């Protein structure tokens, strides 16, 4: 996600270096604030509306499973045989 923000940082840097934007406290707060808001929107969109999640076709294939009980508990029996689907 942070790679998506690189063009924004480059554009703001170029605008400041070319003199289009003067680097005052007000402009710095606006530029950094908008960048933080944009990063938050990208994070939220990527986290909650990822294309992989919208297809409902993702499967997880793990080579093994780890059984770990909570503290103070024990696994008494396992009712699965080896390689059982």
C-alpha atoms as a PDB file:
ATOM      1  CA  UNK A   1       0.000   0.000   0.000  1.00  0.00           C
ATOM      2  CA  UNK A   2       2.813   2.398   0.745  1.00  0.00           C
ATOM      3  CA  UNK A   3       4.040   2.045  -2.845  1.00  0.00           C
ATOM      4  CA  UNK A   4       0.774   3.590  -4.021  1.00  0.00           C
ATOM      5  CA  UNK A   5       1.583   6.698  -1.962  1.00  0.00           C
ATOM      6  CA  UNK A   6       4.940   7.271  -3.709  1.00  0.00           C
ATOM      7  CA  UNK A   7       3.447   9.166  -6.681  1.00  0.00           C
ATOM      8  CA  UNK A   8       1.605  11.488  -4.272  1.00  0.00           C
ATOM      9  CA  UNK A   9       4.810  12.212  -2.353  1.00  0.00           C
ATOM     10  CA  UNK A  10       6.695  12.767  -5.630  1.00  0.00           C
ATOM     11  CA  UNK A  11       4.029  15.141  -6.956  1.00  0.00           C
ATOM     12  CA  UNK A  12       3.988  17.198  -3.752  1.00  0.00           C
ATOM     13  CA  UNK A  13       7.807  17.297  -3.697  1.00  0.00           C
ATOM     14  CA  UNK A  14       7.921  18.441  -7.332  1.00  0.00           C
ATOM     15  CA  UNK A  15       5.285  21.119  -6.720  1.00  0.00           C
ATOM     16  CA  UNK A  16       7.298  22.472  -3.789  1.00  0.00           C
ATOM     17  CA  UNK A  17      10.640  22.328  -5.663  1.00  0.00           C
ATOM     18  CA  UNK A  18       9.208  24.033  -8.746  1.00  0.00           C
ATOM     19  CA  UNK A  19       7.703  26.778  -6.611  1.00  0.00           C
ATOM     20  CA  UNK A  20       4.082  26.047  -7.435  1.00  0.00           C
ATOM     21  CA  UNK A  21       3.402  25.489  -3.725  1.00  0.00           C
ATOM     22  CA  UNK A  22       5.246  27.448  -1.065  1.00  0.00           C
ATOM     23  CA  UNK A  23       6.231  25.218   1.869  1.00  0.00           C
ATOM     24  CA  UNK A  24       4.524  27.087   4.684  1.00  0.00           C
ATOM     25  CA  UNK A  25       3.067  25.548   7.820  1.00  0.00           C
ATOM     26  CA  UNK A  26      -0.466  25.792   6.406  1.00  0.00           C
ATOM     27  CA  UNK A  27       0.422  24.131   3.101  1.00  0.00           C
ATOM     28  CA  UNK A  28       2.467  21.465   4.875  1.00  0.00           C
ATOM     29  CA  UNK A  29      -0.434  20.575   7.170  1.00  0.00           C
ATOM     30  CA  UNK A  30      -2.827  20.437   4.211  1.00  0.00           C
ATOM     31  CA  UNK A  31      -0.471  18.292   2.080  1.00  0.00           C
ATOM     32  CA  UNK A  32       0.459  15.876   4.870  1.00  0.00           C
ATOM     33  CA  UNK A  33      -3.111  15.727   6.172  1.00  0.00           C
ATOM     34  CA  UNK A  34      -4.520  14.943   2.743  1.00  0.00           C
ATOM     35  CA  UNK A  35      -1.793  12.332   2.234  1.00  0.00           C
ATOM     36  CA  UNK A  36      -2.637  10.679   5.562  1.00  0.00           C
ATOM     37  CA  UNK A  37      -6.346  10.739   4.683  1.00  0.00           C
ATOM     38  CA  UNK A  38      -5.604   9.201   1.277  1.00  0.00           C
ATOM     39  CA  UNK A  39      -3.443   6.483   2.886  1.00  0.00           C
ATOM     40  CA  UNK A  40      -6.252   5.716   5.348  1.00  0.00           C
ATOM     41  CA  UNK A  41      -8.780   5.438   2.503  1.00  0.00           C
ATOM     42  CA  UNK A  42      -6.461   3.128   0.560  1.00  0.00           C
ATOM     43  CA  UNK A  43      -5.897   0.951   3.629  1.00  0.00           C
ATOM     44  CA  UNK A  44      -9.627   0.734   4.344  1.00  0.00           C
ATOM     45  CA  UNK A  45     -10.541  -0.058   0.755  1.00  0.00           C
ATOM     46  CA  UNK A  46      -7.800  -2.648   0.451  1.00  0.00           C
ATOM     47  CA  UNK A  47      -8.642  -4.260   3.783  1.00  0.00           C
ATOM     48  CA  UNK A  48     -12.425  -4.455   3.496  1.00  0.00           C
ATOM     49  CA  UNK A  49     -13.128  -4.459  -0.249  1.00  0.00           C
ATOM     50  CA  UNK A  50     -10.331  -6.547  -1.684  1.00  0.00           C
ATOM     51  CA  UNK A  51     -11.178  -8.155  -5.059  1.00  0.00           C
ATOM     52  CA  UNK A  52     -10.264 -11.593  -3.702  1.00  0.00           C
ATOM     53  CA  UNK A  53     -12.873 -11.231  -0.972  1.00  0.00           C
ATOM     54  CA  UNK A  54     -15.634 -10.173  -3.356  1.00  0.00           C
ATOM     55  CA  UNK A  55     -15.434 -13.273  -5.555  1.00  0.00           C
ATOM     56  CA  UNK A  56     -16.291 -15.819  -2.805  1.00  0.00           C
ATOM     57  CA  UNK A  57     -14.054 -18.296  -4.624  1.00  0.00           C
ATOM     58  CA  UNK A  58     -10.980 -18.294  -2.417  1.00  0.00           C
ATOM     59  CA  UNK A  59      -9.926 -21.527  -0.750  1.00  0.00           C
ATOM     60  CA  UNK A  60      -7.158 -22.141   1.702  1.00  0.00           C
ATOM     61  CA  UNK A  61      -5.137 -25.312   1.228  1.00  0.00           C
ATOM     62  CA  UNK A  62      -2.858 -25.975   4.156  1.00  0.00           C
ATOM     63  CA  UNK A  63      -0.428 -28.917   4.233  1.00  0.00           C
ATOM     64  CA  UNK A  64      -1.093 -29.428   7.947  1.00  0.00           C
ATOM     65  CA  UNK A  65      -3.180 -28.079  10.797  1.00  0.00           C
ATOM     66  CA  UNK A  66      -1.948 -27.091  14.228  1.00  0.00           C
ATOM     67  CA  UNK A  67      -4.202 -27.788  17.196  1.00  0.00           C
ATOM     68  CA  UNK A  68      -3.399 -25.482  20.072  1.00  0.00           C
ATOM     69  CA  UNK A  69      -5.781 -25.443  23.033  1.00  0.00           C
ATOM     70  CA  UNK A  70      -6.244 -22.479  25.305  1.00  0.00           C
ATOM     71  CA  UNK A  71      -4.195 -22.090  28.469  1.00  0.00           C
ATOM     72  CA  UNK A  72      -4.972 -24.803  31.008  1.00  0.00           C
ATOM     73  CA  UNK A  73      -6.825 -27.002  28.506  1.00  0.00           C
ATOM     74  CA  UNK A  74      -5.805 -30.203  26.770  1.00  0.00           C
ATOM     75  CA  UNK A  75      -6.800 -31.963  23.556  1.00  0.00           C
ATOM     76  CA  UNK A  76      -8.378 -35.247  24.686  1.00  0.00           C
ATOM     77  CA  UNK A  77      -9.250 -36.999  21.402  1.00  0.00           C
ATOM     78  CA  UNK A  78      -8.865 -36.308  17.694  1.00  0.00           C
ATOM     79  CA  UNK A  79     -11.498 -37.940  15.500  1.00  0.00           C
ATOM     80  CA  UNK A  80      -9.722 -37.502  12.171  1.00  0.00           C
ATOM     81  CA  UNK A  81      -7.524 -40.068  10.455  1.00  0.00           C
ATOM     82  CA  UNK A  82      -4.445 -39.226   8.436  1.00  0.00           C
ATOM     83  CA  UNK A  83      -5.275 -37.602   5.033  1.00  0.00           C
ATOM     84  CA  UNK A  84      -8.999 -37.679   5.680  1.00  0.00           C
ATOM     85  CA  UNK A  85     -10.808 -35.011   3.628  1.00  0.00           C
END
